[in-house]
């Protein structure tokens, strides 16, 4: 953490005490650390950034998963750190590559759910991990603990409640002091499987990979009586509400491996080339 002196001219353009991102830190957690370092109520830093955005930046609500370019650039400038470090606190780049558009729509590649935290991550580094916010992830792999989404007083955890940072606004209990619960081996194994699919799509994902995975789900439906869970297949296709987290749950339920997705994407690519460039005889 860097602290400004009273004679530093940066007082007008930055925070008195600045923080830098931790590996795998989630953007809202970084903003809460800004609040905590400067003895502010939670939500002060994010409100400051939103209210001081350049006039050229479009006015938008703060999106914790896919924040706007203007928000990230202004926050990076305020904290005096490179924009690429700010990008690493989000999934913007991964989702953009996967969806094939620079500004992916949240309903198209939705991966986030309710706020879930690992008390030990907060106790050791005061960090909200980006990877632990992914849909269907219920365990912290580093500490082998079940994630918490509510306080002991039964209040749901919330990010910018106006209370103390990293604490319950109702009873004041710090999140790092929440009880530690060990998950069952089955729950831990399930989270690890989801992690492997997320890692694949975030590192290797392309629109072609995404499309191939969804086509495989459709093929499996036609080939068997496999049930898809809540909602109908046609409903989700027609409305294009194909969220990544939802799709991964379908892939796992259908027993479609990552290797199968890759092989099918290659096959689809070769088939498209064959159709585009048919062989001709002299």
Protein backbone atom coordinates (compact mmCIF):
# COMPACT_ATOMS: atom_id res chain seq x y z
CA UNK A 1 0.00 0.00 0.00
CA UNK A 2 1.31 3.45 -0.96
CA UNK A 3 0.52 6.54 1.14
CA UNK A 4 0.70 10.15 -0.10
CA UNK A 5 2.54 12.85 1.82
CA UNK A 6 0.71 16.06 2.68
CA UNK A 7 2.74 18.00 0.07
CA UNK A 8 2.17 15.55 -2.81
CA UNK A 9 0.27 17.22 -5.72
CA UNK A 10 -1.42 13.85 -6.49
CA UNK A 11 -3.91 14.55 -3.69
CA UNK A 12 -6.34 15.94 -6.28
CA UNK A 13 -6.12 12.97 -8.68
CA UNK A 14 -5.76 9.85 -6.56
CA UNK A 15 -6.62 8.29 -3.19
CA UNK A 16 -4.63 9.16 -0.06
CA UNK A 17 -3.69 5.48 0.26
CA UNK A 18 -3.44 3.38 -2.88
CA UNK A 19 -3.59 -0.39 -3.28
CA UNK A 20 -2.57 -2.68 -6.14
CA UNK A 21 -4.31 -5.86 -7.33
CA UNK A 22 -3.47 -9.23 -5.81
CA UNK A 23 -3.25 -12.33 -8.03
CA UNK A 24 -6.75 -13.59 -8.91
CA UNK A 25 -8.36 -10.64 -7.10
CA UNK A 26 -11.87 -9.63 -8.12
CA UNK A 27 -12.45 -5.97 -8.98
CA UNK A 28 -15.07 -5.30 -6.23
CA UNK A 29 -12.62 -6.73 -3.68
CA UNK A 30 -9.96 -4.30 -4.87
CA UNK A 31 -12.43 -1.44 -4.46
CA UNK A 32 -13.29 -2.60 -0.94
CA UNK A 33 -9.58 -2.69 -0.09
CA UNK A 34 -9.40 0.92 -1.28
CA UNK A 35 -12.20 1.76 1.16
CA UNK A 36 -10.54 -0.14 3.98
CA UNK A 37 -7.08 1.38 3.40
CA UNK A 38 -8.54 4.89 3.46
CA UNK A 39 -10.91 4.27 6.43
CA UNK A 40 -13.98 4.82 4.22
CA UNK A 41 -17.40 3.21 4.33
CA UNK A 42 -17.83 0.40 1.80
CA UNK A 43 -18.81 1.69 -1.63
CA UNK A 44 -17.03 5.04 -1.31
CA UNK A 45 -14.31 4.21 -3.85
CA UNK A 46 -16.68 2.89 -6.50
CA UNK A 47 -18.96 5.92 -6.10
CA UNK A 48 -15.99 8.26 -6.41
CA UNK A 49 -14.85 6.61 -9.65
CA UNK A 50 -18.37 6.68 -11.11
CA UNK A 51 -18.90 10.36 -10.19
CA UNK A 52 -15.53 11.50 -11.55
CA UNK A 53 -15.60 9.66 -14.87
CA UNK A 54 -14.52 11.88 -17.79
CA UNK A 55 -17.41 13.59 -19.53
CA UNK A 56 -16.58 11.69 -22.72
CA UNK A 57 -17.27 8.35 -21.01
CA UNK A 58 -20.85 7.05 -21.36
CA UNK A 59 -22.83 7.00 -18.12
CA UNK A 60 -23.45 3.39 -17.07
CA UNK A 61 -24.16 1.45 -13.92
CA UNK A 62 -21.17 -0.28 -12.36
CA UNK A 63 -20.99 -3.87 -13.64
CA UNK A 64 -18.80 -5.98 -11.30
CA UNK A 65 -18.28 -8.70 -13.92
CA UNK A 66 -17.79 -6.72 -17.13
CA UNK A 67 -17.07 -3.08 -16.18
CA UNK A 68 -16.88 -0.47 -18.90
CA UNK A 69 -13.63 0.60 -20.57
CA UNK A 70 -14.06 4.08 -19.11
CA UNK A 71 -14.45 2.79 -15.56
CA UNK A 72 -11.36 0.56 -15.73
CA UNK A 73 -9.18 3.23 -17.33
CA UNK A 74 -10.28 5.89 -14.85
CA UNK A 75 -9.69 3.56 -11.89
CA UNK A 76 -6.27 2.55 -13.24
CA UNK A 77 -5.36 6.22 -13.65
CA UNK A 78 -6.58 7.04 -10.14
CA UNK A 79 -4.59 4.18 -8.60
CA UNK A 80 -1.65 4.90 -10.96
CA UNK A 81 -1.35 1.33 -12.18
CA UNK A 82 -1.40 -0.13 -15.75
CA UNK A 83 -4.81 -0.81 -17.27
CA UNK A 84 -3.82 -4.41 -18.02
CA UNK A 85 -3.54 -5.05 -14.26
CA UNK A 86 -7.08 -3.76 -13.86
CA UNK A 87 -8.26 -6.07 -16.67
CA UNK A 88 -6.94 -9.03 -14.70
CA UNK A 89 -9.44 -8.34 -11.92
CA UNK A 90 -12.31 -9.06 -14.36
CA UNK A 91 -13.20 -11.65 -17.00
CA UNK A 92 -13.62 -9.05 -19.75
CA UNK A 93 -10.84 -10.30 -22.01
CA UNK A 94 -11.71 -13.98 -21.58
CA UNK A 95 -15.41 -13.41 -22.24
CA UNK A 96 -14.69 -11.13 -25.19
CA UNK A 97 -12.52 -13.80 -26.81
CA UNK A 98 -15.10 -16.47 -26.11
CA UNK A 99 -18.04 -14.48 -27.45
CA UNK A 100 -16.17 -12.87 -30.35
CA UNK A 101 -17.21 -9.32 -29.44
CA UNK A 102 -15.29 -6.59 -27.62
CA UNK A 103 -18.16 -5.91 -25.20
CA UNK A 104 -19.77 -9.26 -24.35
CA UNK A 105 -23.33 -9.21 -23.11
CA UNK A 106 -23.79 -10.42 -19.55
CA UNK A 107 -26.83 -12.57 -20.38
CA UNK A 108 -24.86 -14.25 -23.17
CA UNK A 109 -21.85 -15.39 -21.16
CA UNK A 110 -23.06 -15.08 -17.59
CA UNK A 111 -20.71 -16.67 -15.07
CA UNK A 112 -21.28 -14.74 -11.84
CA UNK A 113 -23.81 -15.53 -9.12
CA UNK A 114 -24.37 -14.27 -5.56
CA UNK A 115 -21.39 -13.04 -3.58
CA UNK A 116 -19.49 -16.00 -2.08
CA UNK A 117 -16.31 -15.66 -0.06
CA UNK A 118 -13.64 -17.80 1.55
CA UNK A 119 -13.07 -16.57 5.15
CA UNK A 120 -9.48 -17.83 5.12
CA UNK A 121 -8.62 -15.92 1.91
CA UNK A 122 -9.80 -12.75 3.69
CA UNK A 123 -7.96 -13.61 6.89
CA UNK A 124 -4.65 -14.20 5.10
CA UNK A 125 -4.70 -11.64 2.26
CA UNK A 126 -7.97 -9.68 2.53
CA UNK A 127 -8.80 -10.83 -0.99
CA UNK A 128 -12.03 -11.65 -2.82
CA UNK A 129 -10.89 -14.11 -5.48
CA UNK A 130 -12.20 -13.67 -9.00
CA UNK A 131 -12.33 -17.42 -9.59
CA UNK A 132 -14.52 -18.04 -6.54
CA UNK A 133 -17.29 -15.86 -8.00
CA UNK A 134 -17.91 -18.28 -10.88
CA UNK A 135 -21.28 -19.99 -11.05
CA UNK A 136 -21.43 -23.47 -9.41
CA UNK A 137 -18.11 -23.00 -7.59
CA UNK A 138 -18.83 -23.75 -3.94
CA UNK A 139 -15.38 -24.49 -2.47
CA UNK A 140 -12.05 -22.70 -2.18
CA UNK A 141 -9.44 -25.07 -3.69
CA UNK A 142 -6.55 -23.41 -1.85
CA UNK A 143 -7.97 -23.77 1.66
CA UNK A 144 -10.43 -26.65 1.10
CA UNK A 145 -13.27 -24.65 2.66
CA UNK A 146 -16.90 -24.23 1.71
CA UNK A 147 -17.67 -20.72 0.44
CA UNK A 148 -19.94 -18.48 2.52
CA UNK A 149 -22.76 -16.37 1.08
CA UNK A 150 -24.40 -15.24 4.30
CA UNK A 151 -23.47 -14.02 7.75
CA UNK A 152 -24.14 -15.81 11.02
CA UNK A 153 -27.03 -13.39 11.54
CA UNK A 154 -28.51 -14.85 8.31
CA UNK A 155 -27.97 -11.63 6.37
CA UNK A 156 -26.74 -12.19 2.80
CA UNK A 157 -23.26 -10.84 2.16
CA UNK A 158 -23.28 -7.65 0.08
CA UNK A 159 -20.46 -5.70 -1.50
CA UNK A 160 -21.15 -1.98 -1.12
CA UNK A 161 -23.62 -1.76 1.74
CA UNK A 162 -22.29 1.46 3.24
CA UNK A 163 -21.05 -0.31 6.36
CA UNK A 164 -17.50 -1.32 7.22
CA UNK A 165 -15.63 -2.94 4.30
CA UNK A 166 -15.53 -6.76 4.42
CA UNK A 167 -18.09 -6.87 7.25
CA UNK A 168 -21.79 -7.49 7.76
CA UNK A 169 -23.75 -4.20 7.73
CA UNK A 170 -26.30 -5.60 10.21
CA UNK A 171 -24.26 -7.21 13.00
CA UNK A 172 -20.80 -5.86 12.14
CA UNK A 173 -19.10 -9.28 12.04
CA UNK A 174 -15.99 -9.24 9.85
CA UNK A 175 -16.17 -11.74 6.98
CA UNK A 176 -12.76 -13.16 7.88
CA UNK A 177 -14.23 -14.29 11.21
CA UNK A 178 -17.03 -16.34 9.67
CA UNK A 179 -17.01 -20.06 10.58
CA UNK A 180 -14.87 -22.39 8.48
CA UNK A 181 -16.72 -25.37 7.04
CA UNK A 182 -15.12 -28.32 5.31
CA UNK A 183 -16.94 -29.46 2.16
CA UNK A 184 -17.72 -33.09 1.47
CA UNK A 185 -15.34 -34.85 -0.91
CA UNK A 186 -18.14 -34.98 -3.46
CA UNK A 187 -18.73 -31.21 -3.27
CA UNK A 188 -15.00 -30.49 -3.55
CA UNK A 189 -14.67 -32.83 -6.54
CA UNK A 190 -17.67 -31.18 -8.25
CA UNK A 191 -16.14 -27.71 -7.84
CA UNK A 192 -12.84 -28.98 -9.24
CA UNK A 193 -14.58 -30.36 -12.33
CA UNK A 194 -16.29 -27.01 -12.90
CA UNK A 195 -12.94 -25.24 -12.46
CA UNK A 196 -11.40 -27.41 -15.20
CA UNK A 197 -14.17 -26.52 -17.68
CA UNK A 198 -13.98 -22.80 -16.84
CA UNK A 199 -10.21 -22.90 -17.27
CA UNK A 200 -10.59 -24.54 -20.66
CA UNK A 201 -13.13 -22.01 -21.96
CA UNK A 202 -11.24 -19.01 -20.54
CA UNK A 203 -7.83 -20.10 -21.89
CA UNK A 204 -8.82 -21.83 -25.14
CA UNK A 205 -12.32 -20.60 -25.77
CA UNK A 206 -13.41 -19.07 -29.07
CA UNK A 207 -16.84 -18.50 -30.63
CA UNK A 208 -16.26 -21.74 -32.57
CA UNK A 209 -15.52 -23.68 -29.37
CA UNK A 210 -18.58 -22.17 -27.67
CA UNK A 211 -20.78 -23.08 -30.65
CA UNK A 212 -19.38 -26.61 -30.88
CA UNK A 213 -20.07 -27.25 -27.20
CA UNK A 214 -23.67 -26.09 -27.53
CA UNK A 215 -24.18 -28.20 -30.68
CA UNK A 216 -22.92 -31.26 -28.82
CA UNK A 217 -25.50 -30.65 -26.12
CA UNK A 218 -28.18 -30.48 -28.83
CA UNK A 219 -26.92 -33.70 -30.42
CA UNK A 220 -26.98 -35.48 -27.07
CA UNK A 221 -30.56 -34.38 -26.54
CA UNK A 222 -31.60 -35.79 -29.91
CA UNK A 223 -29.72 -39.04 -29.34
CA UNK A 224 -31.16 -39.84 -25.92
CA UNK A 225 -33.83 -39.02 -23.38
CA UNK A 226 -31.32 -37.07 -21.32
CA UNK A 227 -32.98 -34.38 -19.22
CA UNK A 228 -31.65 -30.83 -19.28
CA UNK A 229 -32.78 -29.48 -15.96
CA UNK A 230 -34.84 -26.29 -15.44
CA UNK A 231 -36.26 -24.71 -18.59
CA UNK A 232 -36.57 -26.17 -22.05
CA UNK A 233 -33.78 -26.46 -24.62
CA UNK A 234 -35.76 -24.56 -27.29
CA UNK A 235 -36.57 -21.75 -24.86
CA UNK A 236 -32.89 -21.10 -24.11
CA UNK A 237 -31.86 -21.34 -27.77
CA UNK A 238 -34.60 -19.08 -29.09
CA UNK A 239 -33.89 -16.37 -26.50
CA UNK A 240 -30.10 -16.84 -26.79
CA UNK A 241 -29.75 -17.03 -23.03
CA UNK A 242 -26.80 -19.39 -23.33
CA UNK A 243 -24.77 -18.57 -20.23
CA UNK A 244 -21.33 -20.13 -19.89
CA UNK A 245 -21.96 -21.39 -16.35
CA UNK A 246 -25.29 -22.90 -17.40
CA UNK A 247 -23.74 -24.52 -20.47
CA UNK A 248 -20.90 -26.04 -18.43
CA UNK A 249 -23.44 -27.60 -16.06
CA UNK A 250 -25.18 -29.16 -19.07
CA UNK A 251 -21.90 -30.47 -20.49
CA UNK A 252 -20.99 -32.09 -17.18
CA UNK A 253 -24.45 -33.58 -16.74
CA UNK A 254 -24.35 -34.99 -20.26
CA UNK A 255 -20.87 -36.43 -19.76
CA UNK A 256 -19.38 -34.41 -22.63
CA UNK A 257 -15.64 -34.12 -22.03
CA UNK A 258 -13.36 -31.23 -22.93
CA UNK A 259 -11.55 -33.52 -25.40
CA UNK A 260 -14.87 -34.25 -27.13
CA UNK A 261 -15.58 -30.52 -27.45
CA UNK A 262 -12.17 -29.88 -29.02
CA UNK A 263 -12.51 -32.81 -31.46
CA UNK A 264 -16.00 -31.73 -32.49
CA UNK A 265 -14.91 -28.10 -32.97
CA UNK A 266 -12.10 -29.30 -35.27
CA UNK A 267 -14.53 -31.52 -37.18
CA UNK A 268 -16.99 -28.61 -37.60
CA UNK A 269 -14.18 -26.37 -38.84
CA UNK A 270 -13.03 -28.93 -41.40
CA UNK A 271 -16.60 -29.50 -42.56
CA UNK A 272 -17.13 -25.77 -43.09
CA UNK A 273 -13.96 -25.55 -45.18
CA UNK A 274 -15.08 -28.51 -47.27
CA UNK A 275 -18.41 -26.85 -47.92
CA UNK A 276 -16.81 -23.50 -48.68
CA UNK A 277 -14.19 -24.93 -51.05
CA UNK A 278 -15.69 -27.99 -52.80
CA UNK A 279 -13.37 -30.25 -54.75
CA UNK A 280 -13.70 -29.98 -58.54
CA UNK A 281 -12.48 -32.34 -61.22
CA UNK A 282 -10.91 -31.35 -64.48
